[in-house]
């Protein structure tokens, strides 16, 4: 009995300390909106896979053990990664993540069934993505024939990211030299272009759509997490956000957009007027935002599960 009292006191103290920490954290964050959409891109460059929930880890979203942009199309002769900018038709490829398999579907093609991870006996290929060379494991000839047939290029193969690769957020050193301390040496990515997460704000899309002469939608910008926020353009100023009770993201920098945003994800056609890039070059700057940017890159400081409908809080 004598030992139970001190244990009870310690338990109460820990509970009160945890409650104080939670309350202190809550004071620092201000409500901004809710998560309206979660997009997983298991195959880099293919159509978004919409999910209701996902685990947030160091290298991006994860569903059923399958991570964001863990698969990439490569040119077997050069090893260079191929995505929508090379083959706009990739937007027609839909990806379904099952408990043990990944299914790829495309018009006039039979379903390709891939394992979550290639067989260890498959060959290793030296790949290149944004001047970064790394090893990846090939999915085999059947997968290669499927992607080569649909994209009409016999040099293409499908490869899987190897976790032992130590690929950091692109231009980590360059960013830190320029004083952007939001970029950390611990920020690791897989086949993503720049960062492990891209967050977007629906209100910013609404405002941009009013200025753009052609129809645009969120799919043009390929974000992982879409937020139904209170007001536009605020994401350019974020340093940290919290989703739900426990998941915290460190916002790294605004995402400066490329020509992929000009591809209509429903038709695979590029905008003849170079929209929305043309409008973004002048409009974002006129409202105090970062020119040609849309969305913000982020790294998971505290991982965990997120769901559509979760509340989003921004560091004051």
Protein backbone atom coordinates (compact mmCIF):
# COMPACT_ATOMS: atom_id res chain seq x y z
CA UNK A 1 0.00 0.00 0.00
CA UNK A 2 2.86 2.35 0.87
CA UNK A 3 4.27 2.01 -2.65
CA UNK A 4 0.91 2.62 -4.33
CA UNK A 5 0.59 6.18 -3.04
CA UNK A 6 3.85 7.48 -4.61
CA UNK A 7 2.98 5.69 -7.85
CA UNK A 8 -0.43 7.33 -7.89
CA UNK A 9 1.14 10.75 -7.27
CA UNK A 10 3.60 10.21 -10.11
CA UNK A 11 0.76 9.11 -12.42
CA UNK A 12 -1.29 12.21 -11.56
CA UNK A 13 1.75 14.45 -12.06
CA UNK A 14 2.43 12.95 -15.51
CA UNK A 15 -1.22 13.40 -16.50
CA UNK A 16 -1.25 17.03 -15.38
CA UNK A 17 2.08 17.72 -17.10
CA UNK A 18 0.82 16.23 -20.34
CA UNK A 19 -2.40 18.25 -20.08
CA UNK A 20 -0.38 21.43 -19.50
CA UNK A 21 1.81 20.71 -22.53
CA UNK A 22 -1.26 20.07 -24.70
CA UNK A 23 -2.88 23.29 -23.50
CA UNK A 24 0.34 25.24 -24.12
CA UNK A 25 0.57 23.84 -27.66
CA UNK A 26 -3.08 24.70 -28.30
CA UNK A 27 -2.44 28.30 -27.23
CA UNK A 28 0.30 28.59 -29.85
CA UNK A 29 -1.85 27.39 -32.76
CA UNK A 30 -4.81 29.12 -34.36
CA UNK A 31 -7.64 27.34 -36.17
CA UNK A 32 -7.45 27.74 -39.97
CA UNK A 33 -9.72 25.11 -41.56
CA UNK A 34 -10.11 21.39 -42.19
CA UNK A 35 -8.49 18.74 -44.38
CA UNK A 36 -10.72 18.42 -47.46
CA UNK A 37 -8.67 15.99 -49.55
CA UNK A 38 -5.72 13.60 -49.18
CA UNK A 39 -3.88 12.55 -52.35
CA UNK A 40 -1.41 9.70 -52.58
CA UNK A 41 0.78 9.38 -55.68
CA UNK A 42 2.29 5.87 -55.43
CA UNK A 43 3.61 6.12 -59.00
CA UNK A 44 5.30 9.44 -59.70
CA UNK A 45 3.52 11.30 -62.50
CA UNK A 46 0.34 9.20 -62.53
CA UNK A 47 -3.15 10.25 -61.48
CA UNK A 48 -3.83 10.97 -57.81
CA UNK A 49 -5.15 8.21 -55.59
CA UNK A 50 -7.73 9.79 -53.28
CA UNK A 51 -7.81 8.36 -49.77
CA UNK A 52 -9.80 9.13 -46.63
CA UNK A 53 -6.85 8.71 -44.29
CA UNK A 54 -3.10 8.19 -44.42
CA UNK A 55 -0.10 7.83 -42.17
CA UNK A 56 2.36 10.73 -42.23
CA UNK A 57 5.99 9.65 -42.09
CA UNK A 58 9.39 11.15 -42.78
CA UNK A 59 9.25 10.43 -46.53
CA UNK A 60 5.62 11.33 -47.13
CA UNK A 61 2.15 9.81 -46.94
CA UNK A 62 1.73 6.08 -46.53
CA UNK A 63 -1.33 3.86 -47.11
CA UNK A 64 -1.30 0.10 -46.48
CA UNK A 65 2.48 0.24 -46.32
CA UNK A 66 2.74 1.93 -49.73
CA UNK A 67 4.47 5.30 -49.66
CA UNK A 68 3.97 8.39 -51.75
CA UNK A 69 6.02 8.42 -54.97
CA UNK A 70 7.78 5.16 -54.17
CA UNK A 71 7.52 3.98 -57.81
CA UNK A 72 8.93 5.75 -60.85
CA UNK A 73 9.08 5.26 -64.61
CA UNK A 74 12.66 5.39 -65.89
CA UNK A 75 14.40 5.31 -69.24
CA UNK A 76 16.39 2.08 -69.16
CA UNK A 77 19.18 3.53 -71.30
CA UNK A 78 19.82 6.69 -69.28
CA UNK A 79 18.17 5.82 -65.95
CA UNK A 80 16.53 9.26 -65.94
CA UNK A 81 13.09 9.45 -64.29
CA UNK A 82 10.13 10.09 -66.59
CA UNK A 83 6.97 11.87 -65.46
CA UNK A 84 4.05 13.93 -66.79
CA UNK A 85 6.28 16.58 -68.31
CA UNK A 86 7.74 13.84 -70.54
CA UNK A 87 4.54 11.80 -71.01
CA UNK A 88 1.33 13.75 -70.30
CA UNK A 89 -0.60 10.50 -70.92
CA UNK A 90 0.57 9.32 -67.51
CA UNK A 91 -2.34 11.25 -66.04
CA UNK A 92 -4.63 8.54 -67.46
CA UNK A 93 -2.99 5.87 -65.30
CA UNK A 94 -4.96 5.29 -62.10
CA UNK A 95 -3.42 3.53 -59.14
CA UNK A 96 -5.25 1.48 -56.51
CA UNK A 97 -3.46 0.47 -53.31
CA UNK A 98 -4.58 -2.85 -51.84
CA UNK A 99 -3.48 -4.73 -48.74
CA UNK A 100 -0.89 -6.72 -50.70
CA UNK A 101 -0.86 -5.29 -54.21
CA UNK A 102 -0.78 -2.11 -56.27
CA UNK A 103 -3.07 -2.06 -59.31
CA UNK A 104 -2.38 0.12 -62.36
CA UNK A 105 -5.19 0.77 -64.84
CA UNK A 106 -5.19 2.75 -68.08
CA UNK A 107 -7.51 3.05 -71.12
CA UNK A 108 -7.49 -0.04 -73.38
CA UNK A 109 -5.01 -1.80 -71.10
CA UNK A 110 -5.36 -4.84 -68.88
CA UNK A 111 -4.81 -4.20 -65.18
CA UNK A 112 -1.19 -4.44 -64.08
CA UNK A 113 -0.82 -6.01 -60.63
CA UNK A 114 2.37 -5.12 -58.76
CA UNK A 115 3.54 -6.30 -55.34
CA UNK A 116 4.17 -3.66 -52.70
CA UNK A 117 7.87 -4.34 -53.18
CA UNK A 118 9.66 -5.98 -56.13
CA UNK A 119 11.15 -9.41 -55.65
CA UNK A 120 14.70 -9.06 -54.20
CA UNK A 121 15.99 -11.10 -57.14
CA UNK A 122 15.04 -8.32 -59.59
CA UNK A 123 17.90 -6.22 -60.89
CA UNK A 124 19.09 -2.97 -59.36
CA UNK A 125 19.10 0.07 -61.64
CA UNK A 126 21.01 3.32 -61.22
CA UNK A 127 18.39 6.06 -61.61
CA UNK A 128 18.65 9.80 -61.89
CA UNK A 129 16.15 12.35 -60.66
CA UNK A 130 16.99 16.06 -60.66
CA UNK A 131 20.71 15.33 -61.06
CA UNK A 132 20.61 13.00 -58.04
CA UNK A 133 21.74 9.44 -58.75
CA UNK A 134 20.43 6.59 -56.61
CA UNK A 135 19.75 2.86 -56.72
CA UNK A 136 16.26 1.47 -57.38
CA UNK A 137 14.91 -2.04 -57.83
CA UNK A 138 13.27 -3.03 -61.10
CA UNK A 139 9.72 -4.47 -61.10
CA UNK A 140 10.52 -6.92 -63.89
CA UNK A 141 9.75 -7.43 -67.56
CA UNK A 142 5.95 -7.73 -67.29
CA UNK A 143 5.69 -4.31 -65.65
CA UNK A 144 8.15 -2.86 -68.17
CA UNK A 145 6.15 -4.19 -71.12
CA UNK A 146 2.94 -2.74 -69.68
CA UNK A 147 4.26 0.80 -69.18
CA UNK A 148 6.20 0.70 -72.49
CA UNK A 149 3.07 -0.31 -74.39
CA UNK A 150 0.82 2.36 -72.88
CA UNK A 151 3.34 5.20 -73.22
CA UNK A 152 4.53 3.89 -76.60
CA UNK A 153 8.20 3.82 -75.68
CA UNK A 154 10.05 0.52 -75.46
CA UNK A 155 12.86 1.99 -73.34
CA UNK A 156 10.72 2.45 -70.24
CA UNK A 157 10.77 0.43 -67.02
CA UNK A 158 9.12 0.66 -63.60
CA UNK A 159 11.34 0.82 -60.53
CA UNK A 160 10.84 0.99 -56.76
CA UNK A 161 12.60 3.28 -54.29
CA UNK A 162 15.05 1.60 -51.90
CA UNK A 163 14.73 2.82 -48.32
CA UNK A 164 18.47 2.73 -47.71
CA UNK A 165 18.90 5.63 -50.16
CA UNK A 166 19.76 8.82 -48.33
CA UNK A 167 18.16 11.34 -50.67
CA UNK A 168 17.66 14.70 -48.98
CA UNK A 169 15.23 17.47 -49.79
CA UNK A 170 16.47 18.98 -53.04
CA UNK A 171 18.89 21.88 -52.70
CA UNK A 172 19.11 21.41 -48.94
CA UNK A 173 22.56 22.96 -48.70
CA UNK A 174 21.71 25.76 -51.12
CA UNK A 175 18.61 26.68 -49.13
CA UNK A 176 20.46 26.70 -45.83
CA UNK A 177 23.21 28.88 -47.29
CA UNK A 178 20.53 31.35 -48.31
CA UNK A 179 19.26 31.47 -44.74
CA UNK A 180 16.21 29.20 -45.02
CA UNK A 181 16.49 27.38 -41.71
CA UNK A 182 13.11 25.72 -42.33
CA UNK A 183 15.09 23.18 -44.39
CA UNK A 184 16.77 20.49 -42.30
CA UNK A 185 19.51 17.96 -43.00
CA UNK A 186 17.05 15.35 -41.71
CA UNK A 187 14.45 16.07 -44.43
CA UNK A 188 14.53 12.96 -46.61
CA UNK A 189 12.54 12.22 -49.76
CA UNK A 190 11.97 9.33 -52.16
CA UNK A 191 11.13 10.04 -55.82
CA UNK A 192 9.45 13.39 -55.03
CA UNK A 193 10.87 16.33 -56.94
CA UNK A 194 11.59 18.58 -53.99
CA UNK A 195 9.98 17.63 -50.68
CA UNK A 196 8.02 14.89 -48.95
CA UNK A 197 4.75 16.89 -48.65
CA UNK A 198 2.93 19.55 -50.61
CA UNK A 199 0.10 21.37 -48.85
CA UNK A 200 -2.47 23.48 -50.71
CA UNK A 201 -5.24 25.88 -49.73
CA UNK A 202 -8.63 25.82 -51.48
CA UNK A 203 -9.16 29.55 -50.94
CA UNK A 204 -5.98 30.34 -52.88
CA UNK A 205 -7.23 28.20 -55.77
CA UNK A 206 -10.55 30.08 -55.71
CA UNK A 207 -8.80 33.42 -56.05
CA UNK A 208 -6.41 32.22 -58.74
CA UNK A 209 -9.29 30.71 -60.74
CA UNK A 210 -10.99 34.13 -60.84
CA UNK A 211 -7.93 35.62 -62.54
CA UNK A 212 -7.06 32.77 -64.93
CA UNK A 213 -8.74 32.85 -68.38
CA UNK A 214 -8.82 29.05 -68.56
CA UNK A 215 -10.44 26.58 -66.20
CA UNK A 216 -8.11 25.24 -63.51
CA UNK A 217 -8.58 22.78 -60.67
CA UNK A 218 -6.62 21.51 -57.71
CA UNK A 219 -5.41 18.50 -59.73
CA UNK A 220 -3.25 20.89 -61.79
CA UNK A 221 -1.04 21.36 -58.72
CA UNK A 222 -0.84 17.75 -57.43
CA UNK A 223 -0.85 18.46 -53.66
CA UNK A 224 -0.79 15.73 -51.03
CA UNK A 225 -2.98 17.50 -48.49
CA UNK A 226 -5.68 20.00 -49.44
CA UNK A 227 -7.01 22.36 -46.79
CA UNK A 228 -10.43 24.01 -46.82
CA UNK A 229 -9.04 27.19 -45.29
CA UNK A 230 -10.45 30.47 -44.06
CA UNK A 231 -8.56 32.82 -46.36
CA UNK A 232 -6.23 32.76 -49.41
CA UNK A 233 -2.44 33.12 -49.69
CA UNK A 234 -1.68 32.66 -45.98
CA UNK A 235 0.20 29.42 -46.65
CA UNK A 236 3.10 31.47 -48.05
CA UNK A 237 3.73 32.73 -44.49
CA UNK A 238 3.31 29.50 -42.51
CA UNK A 239 6.16 28.15 -40.40
CA UNK A 240 4.28 25.26 -38.76
CA UNK A 241 0.84 23.72 -38.96
CA UNK A 242 -0.89 21.05 -36.91
CA UNK A 243 -3.44 18.58 -38.26
CA UNK A 244 -5.68 16.99 -35.66
CA UNK A 245 -4.18 16.60 -32.21
CA UNK A 246 -0.74 15.22 -32.91
CA UNK A 247 0.56 15.62 -36.49
CA UNK A 248 2.79 18.66 -36.94
CA UNK A 249 4.39 19.88 -40.18
CA UNK A 250 7.28 22.29 -40.55
CA UNK A 251 6.61 24.38 -43.64
CA UNK A 252 9.78 24.68 -45.70
CA UNK A 253 9.06 27.12 -48.53
CA UNK A 254 6.45 28.06 -51.13
CA UNK A 255 6.30 25.75 -54.14
CA UNK A 256 7.37 27.53 -57.31
CA UNK A 257 5.49 25.84 -60.12
CA UNK A 258 6.62 24.33 -63.42
CA UNK A 259 4.97 23.51 -66.75
CA UNK A 260 3.30 20.36 -65.35
CA UNK A 261 0.59 22.68 -63.97
CA UNK A 262 -0.37 23.55 -67.56
CA UNK A 263 -1.40 19.93 -68.30
CA UNK A 264 -5.11 19.20 -68.02
CA UNK A 265 -5.27 16.04 -65.91
CA UNK A 266 -8.52 14.96 -67.59
CA UNK A 267 -7.41 15.35 -71.22
CA UNK A 268 -3.58 15.17 -70.97
CA UNK A 269 -3.44 18.31 -73.12
CA UNK A 270 -1.11 21.22 -72.41
CA UNK A 271 -2.56 24.73 -72.24
CA UNK A 272 -1.83 26.62 -75.46
CA UNK A 273 -1.81 29.83 -73.41
CA UNK A 274 0.58 28.44 -70.80
CA UNK A 275 -2.03 28.78 -68.08
CA UNK A 276 -2.16 28.96 -65.14
CA UNK A 277 1.59 29.69 -65.08
CA UNK A 278 1.20 32.87 -67.14
CA UNK A 279 -1.30 34.35 -64.71
CA UNK A 280 0.61 33.17 -61.64
CA UNK A 281 3.76 35.06 -62.68
CA UNK A 282 2.09 38.41 -62.07
CA UNK A 283 -0.96 37.77 -59.91
CA UNK A 284 0.65 36.13 -56.88
CA UNK A 285 3.17 38.95 -56.57
CA UNK A 286 0.43 41.57 -56.84
CA UNK A 287 -1.32 40.16 -53.76
CA UNK A 288 1.86 39.87 -51.73
CA UNK A 289 2.51 36.19 -52.42
CA UNK A 290 5.55 34.40 -53.85
CA UNK A 291 5.53 34.77 -57.68
CA UNK A 292 4.58 31.62 -59.68
CA UNK A 293 4.04 29.70 -56.45
CA UNK A 294 1.11 27.59 -55.36
CA UNK A 295 1.12 25.54 -52.18
CA UNK A 296 3.84 25.04 -49.63
CA UNK A 297 6.43 22.30 -49.18
CA UNK A 298 6.51 20.71 -45.75
CA UNK A 299 8.23 18.07 -43.62
CA UNK A 300 6.58 16.01 -40.88
CA UNK A 301 7.96 17.09 -37.51
CA UNK A 302 5.56 14.82 -35.61
CA UNK A 303 4.08 12.00 -37.66
CA UNK A 304 0.87 10.06 -37.26
CA UNK A 305 -2.48 9.40 -38.88
CA UNK A 306 -4.50 12.12 -40.61
CA UNK A 307 -8.06 11.97 -41.93
CA UNK A 308 -10.29 13.97 -44.24
CA UNK A 309 -12.21 16.32 -41.95
CA UNK A 310 -9.39 16.78 -39.44
CA UNK A 311 -9.03 20.31 -38.14
CA UNK A 312 -5.98 22.31 -39.22
CA UNK A 313 -4.19 24.79 -36.97
CA UNK A 314 -1.49 27.30 -37.91
CA UNK A 315 1.30 28.46 -35.60
CA UNK A 316 0.54 32.03 -34.53
